[in-house]
Amino acid sequence: MGHLDHATFGWLTPVLSYVMACIGAALGLRCTVRALAATGRSRRNWLITAASAIGTGIWTMHFVAMLGFSVSGSEIRYNVPLTILSLVVAMVVVGAGVFAVGYGRDRGRALALGGLTTGLGVASMHYLGMAALRLHGEVTYDPALVGLSVAIAVVAATAALWAALNIKSALAVAVASLVMGGAVSSMHYTGMMAVGVRVDPSGGSLPGATAMQFIFPLAVGLGSYLFLTSAFVALSPTAGEREASASAQRPMQGAAR
C-alpha cells in the first residue's frame, strides 16, 4: 500500500478549499433567495446562477484539496475529459436540485427531492473526479466510508436548500454558508479517507495532465468567476430595494405632472 498524504502543503490546501466551498455556498444561497423573490425569466436566471455558483464552489473545493494529495511511490496525473465531466455533472445535477426547490409547489417534497438530487450530484462529482486520477497502481475504496460520504453530501445539500427557503438575512446566510462549507469539506475528506492505493512501481509514463498543468489554472479561473459573480450579486439591488425605488419615484412623477 502506498502512503497517502492529504495535506502535502500543510494547512494551505484544506483551508483554501474550505474557503472556496463557503464562497460557492454563500453565493448559491444568496442567488436562491433572490430567485424565490423573483418571477418569470428573472427567477430562472437567478437559479441558473445559483446552480453554477454551488457547482463551481464544490468542484473548486474538491480539486484545490486534491492539489495537496500525494501518493508515495507514484506521481499523479488527471484524465482531462473526465475531470471536465465532473464539473459539468456538478453544475447540471445541482441545477436540477435548485430548480426543484425554486419551482416546487409543495415545499417539503421539493426540499426532499432537491436535497437528494443535489447531494447525489455532489457525491457524483467527487467520485468522477477520483475516477480521473491516474497513478502507478490501483485505487480501492472502503464501502462504508463511501456510503458515509454520500450521506453527508445529501444531508449537507438538504440543509443548504432548507436555508435558502427559510433564511433571508445576509448574516444568517453567511452563517449557513460556513456550516455548508464545513459539511462539503467533511464529505470530501471522508471520501478521501475511504481511498487506498496499491502502488505498482513502474518506469512508464502516465497519461493525462499534472495538477499544475491543468487543475491549478482551471481552479484559479473558476475561483475568479466566483469572486466576480459575488461582487455582481452584492451590487445588484434586491426585489425589496427595487420596489422601494419604484415607490419613491411615483410621487416624484405625480408632482412633475
C-alpha atoms as a PDB file:
ATOM      1  CA  MET A   1       0.000   0.000   0.000  1.00  0.00           C
ATOM      2  CA  GLY A   2       1.279   3.461  -0.860  1.00  0.00           C
ATOM      3  CA  HIS A   3       1.339   6.103   1.843  1.00  0.00           C
ATOM      4  CA  LEU A   4      -1.327   8.751   1.184  1.00  0.00           C
ATOM      5  CA  ASP A   5      -0.760  12.357   2.171  1.00  0.00           C
ATOM      6  CA  HIS A   6      -3.890  14.534   2.044  1.00  0.00           C
ATOM      7  CA  ALA A   7      -2.100  17.743   3.001  1.00  0.00           C
ATOM      8  CA  THR A   8       1.237  17.861   1.198  1.00  0.00           C
ATOM      9  CA  PHE A   9       1.371  21.653   1.637  1.00  0.00           C
ATOM     10  CA  GLY A  10       0.220  21.613   5.245  1.00  0.00           C
ATOM     11  CA  TRP A  11      -2.955  23.504   6.117  1.00  0.00           C
ATOM     12  CA  LEU A  12      -2.856  25.606   2.934  1.00  0.00           C
ATOM     13  CA  THR A  13      -4.990  23.381   0.688  1.00  0.00           C
ATOM     14  CA  PRO A  14      -7.562  22.301   3.351  1.00  0.00           C
ATOM     15  CA  VAL A  15      -8.139  25.914   4.446  1.00  0.00           C
ATOM     16  CA  LEU A  16      -8.239  27.307   0.907  1.00  0.00           C
ATOM     17  CA  SER A  17     -10.597  24.546  -0.254  1.00  0.00           C
ATOM     18  CA  TYR A  18     -12.900  25.276   2.707  1.00  0.00           C
ATOM     19  CA  VAL A  19     -12.929  28.974   1.786  1.00  0.00           C
ATOM     20  CA  MET A  20     -13.895  28.141  -1.807  1.00  0.00           C
ATOM     21  CA  ALA A  21     -16.709  25.867  -0.612  1.00  0.00           C
ATOM     22  CA  CYS A  22     -18.018  28.644   1.656  1.00  0.00           C
ATOM     23  CA  ILE A  23     -17.916  31.240  -1.121  1.00  0.00           C
ATOM     24  CA  GLY A  24     -19.780  28.939  -3.517  1.00  0.00           C
ATOM     25  CA  ALA A  25     -22.376  28.114  -0.854  1.00  0.00           C
ATOM     26  CA  ALA A  26     -22.866  31.773   0.130  1.00  0.00           C
ATOM     27  CA  LEU A  27     -23.268  32.870  -3.473  1.00  0.00           C
ATOM     28  CA  GLY A  28     -25.609  29.997  -4.273  1.00  0.00           C
ATOM     29  CA  LEU A  29     -27.788  30.705  -1.228  1.00  0.00           C
ATOM     30  CA  ARG A  30     -27.996  34.434  -1.973  1.00  0.00           C
ATOM     31  CA  CYS A  31     -28.944  33.735  -5.584  1.00  0.00           C
ATOM     32  CA  THR A  32     -31.606  31.225  -4.494  1.00  0.00           C
ATOM     33  CA  VAL A  33     -33.061  33.769  -2.055  1.00  0.00           C
ATOM     34  CA  ARG A  34     -33.140  36.324  -4.906  1.00  0.00           C
ATOM     35  CA  ALA A  35     -34.792  33.729  -7.186  1.00  0.00           C
ATOM     36  CA  LEU A  36     -37.578  32.959  -4.720  1.00  0.00           C
ATOM     37  CA  ALA A  37     -38.417  36.662  -4.568  1.00  0.00           C
ATOM     38  CA  ALA A  38     -38.483  36.977  -8.370  1.00  0.00           C
ATOM     39  CA  THR A  39     -40.750  35.701 -11.142  1.00  0.00           C
ATOM     40  CA  GLY A  40     -40.504  34.678 -14.776  1.00  0.00           C
ATOM     41  CA  ARG A  41     -37.171  34.943 -16.557  1.00  0.00           C
ATOM     42  CA  SER A  42     -35.544  36.674 -13.595  1.00  0.00           C
ATOM     43  CA  ARG A  43     -36.228  33.682 -11.331  1.00  0.00           C
ATOM     44  CA  ARG A  44     -34.807  31.297 -13.916  1.00  0.00           C
ATOM     45  CA  ASN A  45     -31.632  33.381 -14.333  1.00  0.00           C
ATOM     46  CA  TRP A  46     -31.048  33.607 -10.578  1.00  0.00           C
ATOM     47  CA  LEU A  47     -31.495  29.843 -10.235  1.00  0.00           C
ATOM     48  CA  ILE A  48     -29.017  29.194 -13.057  1.00  0.00           C
ATOM     49  CA  THR A  49     -26.519  31.487 -11.324  1.00  0.00           C
ATOM     50  CA  ALA A  50     -27.141  29.694  -8.017  1.00  0.00           C
ATOM     51  CA  ALA A  51     -26.526  26.282  -9.602  1.00  0.00           C
ATOM     52  CA  SER A  52     -23.345  27.419 -11.332  1.00  0.00           C
ATOM     53  CA  ALA A  53     -22.073  29.001  -8.089  1.00  0.00           C
ATOM     54  CA  ILE A  54     -22.730  25.958  -5.907  1.00  0.00           C
ATOM     55  CA  GLY A  55     -21.435  23.521  -8.536  1.00  0.00           C
ATOM     56  CA  THR A  56     -18.326  25.605  -9.199  1.00  0.00           C
ATOM     57  CA  GLY A  57     -17.656  26.096  -5.484  1.00  0.00           C
ATOM     58  CA  ILE A  58     -17.904  22.379  -4.741  1.00  0.00           C
ATOM     59  CA  TRP A  59     -15.759  21.403  -7.732  1.00  0.00           C
ATOM     60  CA  THR A  60     -13.115  24.008  -6.889  1.00  0.00           C
ATOM     61  CA  MET A  61     -13.134  22.894  -3.258  1.00  0.00           C
ATOM     62  CA  HIS A  62     -12.515  19.273  -4.311  1.00  0.00           C
ATOM     63  CA  PHE A  63      -9.660  19.950  -6.698  1.00  0.00           C
ATOM     64  CA  VAL A  64      -7.962  22.597  -4.565  1.00  0.00           C
ATOM     65  CA  ALA A  65      -7.921  19.948  -1.825  1.00  0.00           C
ATOM     66  CA  MET A  66      -6.554  17.452  -4.364  1.00  0.00           C
ATOM     67  CA  LEU A  67      -3.595  19.749  -5.020  1.00  0.00           C
ATOM     68  CA  GLY A  68      -2.398  18.632  -1.595  1.00  0.00           C
ATOM     69  CA  PHE A  69      -2.941  14.919  -2.291  1.00  0.00           C
ATOM     70  CA  SER A  70       0.080  12.727  -2.962  1.00  0.00           C
ATOM     71  CA  VAL A  71       0.936   9.029  -3.004  1.00  0.00           C
ATOM     72  CA  SER A  72       4.385   7.774  -2.078  1.00  0.00           C
ATOM     73  CA  GLY A  73       5.980   5.806  -4.896  1.00  0.00           C
ATOM     74  CA  SER A  74       3.889   7.265  -7.698  1.00  0.00           C
ATOM     75  CA  GLU A  75       3.277  10.525  -9.493  1.00  0.00           C
ATOM     76  CA  ILE A  76      -0.319  11.635 -10.079  1.00  0.00           C
ATOM     77  CA  ARG A  77      -1.977  12.820 -13.260  1.00  0.00           C
ATOM     78  CA  TYR A  78      -5.560  13.580 -14.262  1.00  0.00           C
ATOM     79  CA  ASN A  79      -7.686  12.494 -17.201  1.00  0.00           C
ATOM     80  CA  VAL A  80      -8.787  15.844 -18.672  1.00  0.00           C
ATOM     81  CA  PRO A  81     -12.167  14.827 -20.231  1.00  0.00           C
ATOM     82  CA  LEU A  82     -13.282  13.040 -17.044  1.00  0.00           C
ATOM     83  CA  THR A  83     -12.222  15.990 -14.901  1.00  0.00           C
ATOM     84  CA  ILE A  84     -14.245  18.401 -17.035  1.00  0.00           C
ATOM     85  CA  LEU A  85     -17.180  15.961 -16.996  1.00  0.00           C
ATOM     86  CA  SER A  86     -17.124  16.034 -13.186  1.00  0.00           C
ATOM     87  CA  LEU A  87     -17.555  19.833 -13.324  1.00  0.00           C
ATOM     88  CA  VAL A  88     -20.439  19.557 -15.806  1.00  0.00           C
ATOM     89  CA  VAL A  89     -22.148  16.891 -13.679  1.00  0.00           C
ATOM     90  CA  ALA A  90     -21.808  19.062 -10.578  1.00  0.00           C
ATOM     91  CA  MET A  91     -23.496  22.020 -12.271  1.00  0.00           C
ATOM     92  CA  VAL A  92     -26.248  20.035 -14.037  1.00  0.00           C
ATOM     93  CA  VAL A  93     -27.286  17.865 -11.087  1.00  0.00           C
ATOM     94  CA  VAL A  94     -27.026  20.701  -8.575  1.00  0.00           C
ATOM     95  CA  GLY A  95     -29.061  22.768 -11.048  1.00  0.00           C
ATOM     96  CA  ALA A  96     -31.781  20.093 -11.068  1.00  0.00           C
ATOM     97  CA  GLY A  97     -31.974  20.235  -7.276  1.00  0.00           C
ATOM     98  CA  VAL A  98     -32.035  24.027  -7.151  1.00  0.00           C
ATOM     99  CA  PHE A  99     -34.772  24.227  -9.803  1.00  0.00           C
ATOM    100  CA  ALA A 100     -36.822  21.623  -7.910  1.00  0.00           C
ATOM    101  CA  VAL A 101     -36.786  23.951  -4.905  1.00  0.00           C
ATOM    102  CA  GLY A 102     -37.234  27.107  -6.966  1.00  0.00           C
ATOM    103  CA  TYR A 103     -40.341  25.882  -8.815  1.00  0.00           C
ATOM    104  CA  GLY A 104     -41.758  23.211  -6.489  1.00  0.00           C
ATOM    105  CA  ARG A 105     -45.309  23.852  -5.266  1.00  0.00           C
ATOM    106  CA  ASP A 106     -45.008  21.512  -2.278  1.00  0.00           C
ATOM    107  CA  ARG A 107     -42.040  22.885  -0.351  1.00  0.00           C
ATOM    108  CA  GLY A 108     -41.499  19.758   1.741  1.00  0.00           C
ATOM    109  CA  ARG A 109     -41.450  17.432  -1.248  1.00  0.00           C
ATOM    110  CA  ALA A 110     -39.346  19.880  -3.271  1.00  0.00           C
ATOM    111  CA  LEU A 111     -36.813  20.129  -0.433  1.00  0.00           C
ATOM    112  CA  ALA A 112     -36.518  16.347  -0.110  1.00  0.00           C
ATOM    113  CA  LEU A 113     -36.173  15.860  -3.872  1.00  0.00           C
ATOM    114  CA  GLY A 114     -33.815  18.819  -4.278  1.00  0.00           C
ATOM    115  CA  GLY A 115     -31.633  17.765  -1.335  1.00  0.00           C
ATOM    116  CA  LEU A 116     -31.367  14.178  -2.558  1.00  0.00           C
ATOM    117  CA  THR A 117     -30.615  15.226  -6.141  1.00  0.00           C
ATOM    118  CA  THR A 118     -28.087  17.874  -5.169  1.00  0.00           C
ATOM    119  CA  GLY A 119     -26.378  15.601  -2.638  1.00  0.00           C
ATOM    120  CA  LEU A 120     -26.032  12.785  -5.141  1.00  0.00           C
ATOM    121  CA  GLY A 121     -24.676  15.350  -7.617  1.00  0.00           C
ATOM    122  CA  VAL A 122     -22.019  16.419  -5.137  1.00  0.00           C
ATOM    123  CA  ALA A 123     -21.038  12.792  -4.488  1.00  0.00           C
ATOM    124  CA  SER A 124     -21.030  12.005  -8.227  1.00  0.00           C
ATOM    125  CA  MET A 125     -18.736  14.958  -8.871  1.00  0.00           C
ATOM    126  CA  HIS A 126     -16.345  13.761  -6.154  1.00  0.00           C
ATOM    127  CA  TYR A 127     -16.098  10.178  -7.363  1.00  0.00           C
ATOM    128  CA  LEU A 128     -15.959  11.161 -11.044  1.00  0.00           C
ATOM    129  CA  GLY A 129     -13.065  13.423 -10.090  1.00  0.00           C
ATOM    130  CA  MET A 130     -11.420  10.481  -8.348  1.00  0.00           C
ATOM    131  CA  ALA A 131     -12.029   8.288 -11.411  1.00  0.00           C
ATOM    132  CA  ALA A 132      -9.997  10.842 -13.390  1.00  0.00           C
ATOM    133  CA  LEU A 133      -6.974  10.086 -11.183  1.00  0.00           C
ATOM    134  CA  ARG A 134      -4.080   8.354 -12.922  1.00  0.00           C
ATOM    135  CA  LEU A 135      -1.205   6.785 -10.953  1.00  0.00           C
ATOM    136  CA  HIS A 136       1.070   3.754 -10.900  1.00  0.00           C
ATOM    137  CA  GLY A 137      -1.149   1.322  -9.062  1.00  0.00           C
ATOM    138  CA  GLU A 138      -4.754   0.530  -8.177  1.00  0.00           C
ATOM    139  CA  VAL A 139      -7.167   2.727  -6.225  1.00  0.00           C
ATOM    140  CA  THR A 140      -9.520   0.929  -3.816  1.00  0.00           C
ATOM    141  CA  TYR A 141     -12.353   2.199  -1.609  1.00  0.00           C
ATOM    142  CA  ASP A 142     -13.818   1.350   1.790  1.00  0.00           C
ATOM    143  CA  PRO A 143     -17.550   0.880   1.010  1.00  0.00           C
ATOM    144  CA  ALA A 144     -18.681   2.001   4.485  1.00  0.00           C
ATOM    145  CA  LEU A 145     -16.806   5.301   4.257  1.00  0.00           C
ATOM    146  CA  VAL A 146     -18.032   5.833   0.695  1.00  0.00           C
ATOM    147  CA  GLY A 147     -21.612   5.385   1.912  1.00  0.00           C
ATOM    148  CA  LEU A 148     -20.976   7.800   4.791  1.00  0.00           C
ATOM    149  CA  SER A 149     -19.557  10.411   2.421  1.00  0.00           C
ATOM    150  CA  VAL A 150     -22.656  10.169   0.198  1.00  0.00           C
ATOM    151  CA  ALA A 151     -24.941  10.500   3.246  1.00  0.00           C
ATOM    152  CA  ILE A 152     -23.023  13.595   4.377  1.00  0.00           C
ATOM    153  CA  ALA A 153     -23.411  15.088   0.891  1.00  0.00           C
ATOM    154  CA  VAL A 154     -27.193  14.541   0.880  1.00  0.00           C
ATOM    155  CA  VAL A 155     -27.647  15.941   4.402  1.00  0.00           C
ATOM    156  CA  ALA A 156     -25.441  18.952   3.622  1.00  0.00           C
ATOM    157  CA  ALA A 157     -27.313  19.683   0.384  1.00  0.00           C
ATOM    158  CA  THR A 158     -30.710  19.366   2.060  1.00  0.00           C
ATOM    159  CA  ALA A 159     -29.618  21.687   4.879  1.00  0.00           C
ATOM    160  CA  ALA A 160     -28.331  24.241   2.375  1.00  0.00           C
ATOM    161  CA  LEU A 161     -31.577  24.236   0.392  1.00  0.00           C
ATOM    162  CA  TRP A 162     -33.602  24.477   3.612  1.00  0.00           C
ATOM    163  CA  ALA A 163     -31.532  27.527   4.487  1.00  0.00           C
ATOM    164  CA  ALA A 164     -32.267  29.031   1.072  1.00  0.00           C
ATOM    165  CA  LEU A 165     -36.010  28.554   1.640  1.00  0.00           C
ATOM    166  CA  ASN A 166     -36.123  29.790   5.224  1.00  0.00           C
ATOM    167  CA  ILE A 167     -33.236  32.215   5.806  1.00  0.00           C
ATOM    168  CA  LYS A 168     -33.391  35.692   4.341  1.00  0.00           C
ATOM    169  CA  SER A 169     -30.928  37.931   6.190  1.00  0.00           C
ATOM    170  CA  ALA A 170     -27.374  38.307   4.901  1.00  0.00           C
ATOM    171  CA  LEU A 171     -25.895  37.416   8.310  1.00  0.00           C
ATOM    172  CA  ALA A 172     -27.906  34.193   8.553  1.00  0.00           C
ATOM    173  CA  VAL A 173     -26.883  33.236   5.009  1.00  0.00           C
ATOM    174  CA  ALA A 174     -23.232  33.844   5.952  1.00  0.00           C
ATOM    175  CA  VAL A 175     -23.515  31.530   8.963  1.00  0.00           C
ATOM    176  CA  ALA A 176     -25.309  28.890   6.880  1.00  0.00           C
ATOM    177  CA  SER A 177     -22.540  29.133   4.271  1.00  0.00           C
ATOM    178  CA  LEU A 178     -19.846  28.466   6.863  1.00  0.00           C
ATOM    179  CA  VAL A 179     -21.751  25.381   8.002  1.00  0.00           C
ATOM    180  CA  MET A 180     -22.317  24.251   4.405  1.00  0.00           C
ATOM    181  CA  GLY A 181     -18.619  24.752   3.592  1.00  0.00           C
ATOM    182  CA  GLY A 182     -17.697  22.615   6.585  1.00  0.00           C
ATOM    183  CA  ALA A 183     -20.149  19.903   5.543  1.00  0.00           C
ATOM    184  CA  VAL A 184     -18.847  19.806   1.964  1.00  0.00           C
ATOM    185  CA  SER A 185     -15.251  19.665   3.204  1.00  0.00           C
ATOM    186  CA  SER A 186     -16.204  16.872   5.614  1.00  0.00           C
ATOM    187  CA  MET A 187     -17.780  14.958   2.752  1.00  0.00           C
ATOM    188  CA  HIS A 188     -14.607  15.357   0.685  1.00  0.00           C
ATOM    189  CA  TYR A 189     -12.198  14.217   3.375  1.00  0.00           C
ATOM    190  CA  THR A 190     -14.486  11.366   4.442  1.00  0.00           C
ATOM    191  CA  GLY A 191     -14.440  10.223   0.827  1.00  0.00           C
ATOM    192  CA  MET A 192     -10.653  10.565   0.745  1.00  0.00           C
ATOM    193  CA  MET A 193     -10.304   8.516   3.938  1.00  0.00           C
ATOM    194  CA  ALA A 194     -12.091   5.723   2.050  1.00  0.00           C
ATOM    195  CA  VAL A 195      -9.265   5.651  -0.517  1.00  0.00           C
ATOM    196  CA  GLY A 196      -6.495   3.095  -0.502  1.00  0.00           C
ATOM    197  CA  VAL A 197      -3.775   2.731  -3.136  1.00  0.00           C
ATOM    198  CA  ARG A 198      -1.808  -0.387  -4.062  1.00  0.00           C
ATOM    199  CA  VAL A 199       1.270   1.068  -5.714  1.00  0.00           C
ATOM    200  CA  ASP A 200       2.766  -0.793  -8.655  1.00  0.00           C
ATOM    201  CA  PRO A 201       6.159   0.863  -9.278  1.00  0.00           C
ATOM    202  CA  SER A 202       6.697   1.425 -12.968  1.00  0.00           C
ATOM    203  CA  GLY A 203       9.058   3.419 -15.097  1.00  0.00           C
ATOM    204  CA  GLY A 204       6.379   4.059 -17.708  1.00  0.00           C
ATOM    205  CA  SER A 205       4.871   7.484 -18.203  1.00  0.00           C
ATOM    206  CA  LEU A 206       1.320   8.182 -17.068  1.00  0.00           C
ATOM    207  CA  PRO A 207      -1.350   9.573 -19.403  1.00  0.00           C
ATOM    208  CA  GLY A 208      -3.126  12.819 -18.581  1.00  0.00           C
ATOM    209  CA  ALA A 209      -2.115  16.193 -17.188  1.00  0.00           C
ATOM    210  CA  THR A 210      -0.407  17.067 -13.918  1.00  0.00           C
ATOM    211  CA  ALA A 211      -2.275  19.096 -11.318  1.00  0.00           C
ATOM    212  CA  MET A 212      -0.195  22.194 -12.023  1.00  0.00           C
ATOM    213  CA  GLN A 213      -0.686  21.879 -15.778  1.00  0.00           C
ATOM    214  CA  PHE A 214      -4.473  21.594 -15.675  1.00  0.00           C
ATOM    215  CA  ILE A 215      -6.150  21.565 -12.246  1.00  0.00           C
ATOM    216  CA  PHE A 216      -4.440  24.642 -10.819  1.00  0.00           C
ATOM    217  CA  PRO A 217      -5.160  27.002 -13.772  1.00  0.00           C
ATOM    218  CA  LEU A 218      -8.770  25.804 -14.008  1.00  0.00           C
ATOM    219  CA  ALA A 219      -9.300  26.192 -10.259  1.00  0.00           C
ATOM    220  CA  VAL A 220      -7.903  29.738 -10.406  1.00  0.00           C
ATOM    221  CA  GLY A 221     -10.237  30.568 -13.298  1.00  0.00           C
ATOM    222  CA  LEU A 222     -13.305  29.179 -11.554  1.00  0.00           C
ATOM    223  CA  GLY A 223     -12.313  30.859  -8.306  1.00  0.00           C
ATOM    224  CA  SER A 224     -12.117  34.174 -10.154  1.00  0.00           C
ATOM    225  CA  TYR A 225     -15.594  33.520 -11.558  1.00  0.00           C
ATOM    226  CA  LEU A 226     -16.931  33.030  -8.029  1.00  0.00           C
ATOM    227  CA  PHE A 227     -15.375  36.264  -6.769  1.00  0.00           C
ATOM    228  CA  LEU A 228     -16.604  38.312  -9.739  1.00  0.00           C
ATOM    229  CA  THR A 229     -20.103  36.851  -9.545  1.00  0.00           C
ATOM    230  CA  SER A 230     -20.169  37.533  -5.791  1.00  0.00           C
ATOM    231  CA  ALA A 231     -19.377  41.177  -6.493  1.00  0.00           C
ATOM    232  CA  PHE A 232     -22.133  41.336  -9.130  1.00  0.00           C
ATOM    233  CA  VAL A 233     -24.716  39.821  -6.756  1.00  0.00           C
ATOM    234  CA  ALA A 234     -23.656  42.119  -3.905  1.00  0.00           C
ATOM    235  CA  LEU A 235     -24.092  45.182  -6.121  1.00  0.00           C
ATOM    236  CA  SER A 236     -27.399  44.064  -7.685  1.00  0.00           C
ATOM    237  CA  PRO A 237     -30.479  45.563  -5.984  1.00  0.00           C
ATOM    238  CA  THR A 238     -32.790  43.150  -4.214  1.00  0.00           C
ATOM    239  CA  ALA A 239     -36.506  42.893  -5.047  1.00  0.00           C
ATOM    240  CA  GLY A 240     -37.257  44.981  -1.952  1.00  0.00           C
ATOM    241  CA  GLU A 241     -34.793  47.674  -2.969  1.00  0.00           C
ATOM    242  CA  ARG A 242     -36.240  47.833  -6.492  1.00  0.00           C
ATOM    243  CA  GLU A 243     -39.757  48.097  -5.106  1.00  0.00           C
ATOM    244  CA  ALA A 244     -38.716  50.855  -2.690  1.00  0.00           C
ATOM    245  CA  SER A 245     -37.020  52.737  -5.528  1.00  0.00           C
ATOM    246  CA  ALA A 246     -40.114  52.438  -7.721  1.00  0.00           C
ATOM    247  CA  SER A 247     -42.334  53.622  -4.861  1.00  0.00           C
ATOM    248  CA  ALA A 248     -40.102  56.642  -4.290  1.00  0.00           C
ATOM    249  CA  GLN A 249     -40.257  57.579  -7.965  1.00  0.00           C
ATOM    250  CA  ARG A 250     -44.079  57.523  -8.171  1.00  0.00           C
ATOM    251  CA  PRO A 251     -44.669  60.663  -6.024  1.00  0.00           C
ATOM    252  CA  MET A 252     -41.949  62.493  -7.970  1.00  0.00           C
ATOM    253  CA  GLN A 253     -43.617  61.577 -11.268  1.00  0.00           C
ATOM    254  CA  GLY A 254     -47.003  62.695  -9.905  1.00  0.00           C
ATOM    255  CA  ALA A 255     -45.570  66.022  -8.758  1.00  0.00           C
ATOM    256  CA  ALA A 256     -43.971  66.576 -12.158  1.00  0.00           C
ATOM    257  CA  ARG A 257     -47.395  66.337 -13.788  1.00  0.00           C
END
